[in-house]
Amino acid sequence: MPIIDTGKKATTASNSAISALHSEKQKGIAKWKSYLDPRNTNPDLYVLAGAYVVRLDRFDPKTYNGPGTVYEDKSGHYYGEIVPPSDQGDDDIPPQPSRGMPPSSDDEDD
């Protein structure tokens, strides 16, 4: 799978998301185990580019050709995908309502 350069910083997931995604996180930890710090048995869950991810402490992008999706944040850290991005958008930014543009000077009556 490709390594996705997000150009963004990962943010810590909310407590409610962490609780709701507990089983997915456990599966993800097993999937990314060889890239995690062995001393950290309960890594934090982050949000990056709309996906829930865990930070990969021992990751080398030059040698990676695994099946999972990896994200790179703007500081150069790598994260393994636990839950893919939702259809709602990017990084907890709610969809914005479409708004009409203000009338231009050409639209106004003289």
Protein backbone atom coordinates (compact mmCIF):
# COMPACT_ATOMS: atom_id res chain seq x y z
CA MET A 1 0.00 0.00 0.00
CA PRO A 2 1.13 3.54 -0.53
CA ILE A 3 2.40 5.92 2.08
CA ILE A 4 0.12 8.96 2.12
CA ASP A 5 1.85 12.27 2.83
CA THR A 6 -0.88 14.31 4.51
CA GLY A 7 0.96 17.57 5.16
CA LYS A 8 -1.04 17.75 8.40
CA LYS A 9 -0.38 17.08 12.06
CA ALA A 10 -1.99 14.10 13.76
CA THR A 11 -4.33 14.92 16.65
CA THR A 12 -5.22 12.72 19.59
CA ALA A 13 -8.60 11.02 19.15
CA SER A 14 -11.44 11.96 21.48
CA ASN A 15 -12.20 9.76 24.50
CA SER A 16 -15.57 8.80 23.01
CA ALA A 17 -13.90 7.69 19.76
CA ILE A 18 -11.29 5.73 21.69
CA SER A 19 -14.03 3.90 23.62
CA ALA A 20 -16.13 3.24 20.52
CA LEU A 21 -13.16 1.93 18.51
CA HIS A 22 -11.61 -0.28 21.19
CA SER A 23 -11.90 -3.58 19.30
CA GLU A 24 -10.70 -2.03 16.02
CA LYS A 25 -7.73 -0.55 17.87
CA GLN A 26 -6.81 -3.96 19.32
CA LYS A 27 -6.91 -5.54 15.85
CA GLY A 28 -4.86 -2.66 14.48
CA ILE A 29 -2.25 -2.99 17.20
CA ALA A 30 -1.79 -6.64 16.23
CA LYS A 31 -1.51 -5.67 12.56
CA TRP A 32 1.15 -3.00 13.20
CA LYS A 33 2.91 -4.75 16.11
CA SER A 34 6.30 -5.04 14.41
CA TYR A 35 6.34 -1.25 13.87
CA LEU A 36 5.29 -0.28 17.42
CA ASP A 37 7.57 0.32 20.38
CA PRO A 38 7.48 -3.04 22.24
CA ARG A 39 7.37 -1.24 25.61
CA ASN A 40 4.13 0.53 24.67
CA THR A 41 1.36 -2.08 24.84
CA ASN A 42 -1.44 0.48 24.58
CA PRO A 43 -0.50 3.14 22.00
CA ASP A 44 -2.57 6.28 21.64
CA LEU A 45 -5.17 6.57 18.92
CA TYR A 46 -4.88 9.59 16.63
CA VAL A 47 -6.87 11.19 13.83
CA LEU A 48 -5.00 12.04 10.63
CA ALA A 49 -6.53 12.84 7.23
CA GLY A 50 -9.90 11.61 8.51
CA ALA A 51 -8.55 8.16 9.48
CA TYR A 52 -7.99 6.74 12.95
CA VAL A 53 -4.33 5.74 13.23
CA VAL A 54 -1.59 4.64 15.65
CA ARG A 55 1.92 6.04 15.57
CA LEU A 56 4.51 3.66 14.15
CA ASP A 57 7.66 4.15 16.23
CA ARG A 58 9.87 1.71 14.32
CA PHE A 59 8.90 2.34 10.71
CA ASP A 60 11.22 2.60 7.71
CA PRO A 61 9.43 3.81 4.58
CA LYS A 62 12.28 2.58 2.38
CA THR A 63 11.66 -1.06 3.26
CA TYR A 64 7.86 -1.05 3.70
CA ASN A 65 5.71 -2.97 1.24
CA GLY A 66 3.03 -4.27 3.60
CA PRO A 67 -0.71 -4.38 2.99
CA GLY A 68 -1.77 -1.63 5.41
CA THR A 69 -2.17 2.06 4.67
CA VAL A 70 0.47 4.30 6.22
CA TYR A 71 0.14 8.06 6.68
CA GLU A 72 2.98 10.53 7.11
CA ASP A 73 2.26 13.70 9.05
CA LYS A 74 3.87 17.07 8.49
CA SER A 75 6.51 16.43 11.16
CA GLY A 76 7.71 13.25 9.44
CA HIS A 77 6.10 10.71 11.78
CA TYR A 78 4.38 7.64 10.35
CA TYR A 79 0.99 6.26 11.39
CA GLY A 80 -0.70 2.96 10.60
CA GLU A 81 -4.38 3.04 9.67
CA ILE A 82 -6.80 1.48 12.16
CA VAL A 83 -10.08 2.81 10.73
CA PRO A 84 -10.20 4.33 7.21
CA PRO A 85 -11.34 7.91 6.60
CA SER A 86 -15.06 8.51 6.78
CA ASP A 87 -17.11 9.93 3.93
CA GLN A 88 -17.80 13.04 5.98
CA GLY A 89 -14.58 14.84 5.31
CA ASP A 90 -11.18 15.48 6.74
CA ASP A 91 -9.87 15.62 10.34
CA ASP A 92 -13.00 16.40 12.33
CA ILE A 93 -13.91 19.33 10.09
CA PRO A 94 -17.69 19.18 9.71
CA PRO A 95 -19.13 19.67 6.23
CA GLN A 96 -19.71 23.34 5.56
CA PRO A 97 -23.05 24.55 4.22
CA SER A 98 -22.88 25.99 0.74
CA ARG A 99 -23.36 29.70 0.83
CA GLY A 100 -24.23 32.08 -1.96
CA MET A 101 -21.72 34.66 -2.98
CA PRO A 102 -22.49 38.29 -2.22
CA PRO A 103 -23.62 40.22 -5.25
CA SER A 104 -20.85 41.75 -7.29
CA SER A 105 -20.88 45.38 -8.27
CA ASP A 106 -22.08 44.32 -11.74
CA ASP A 107 -25.24 42.83 -10.19
CA GLU A 108 -26.29 45.97 -8.37
CA ASP A 109 -28.68 48.49 -9.84
CA ASP A 110 -27.25 51.96 -10.56
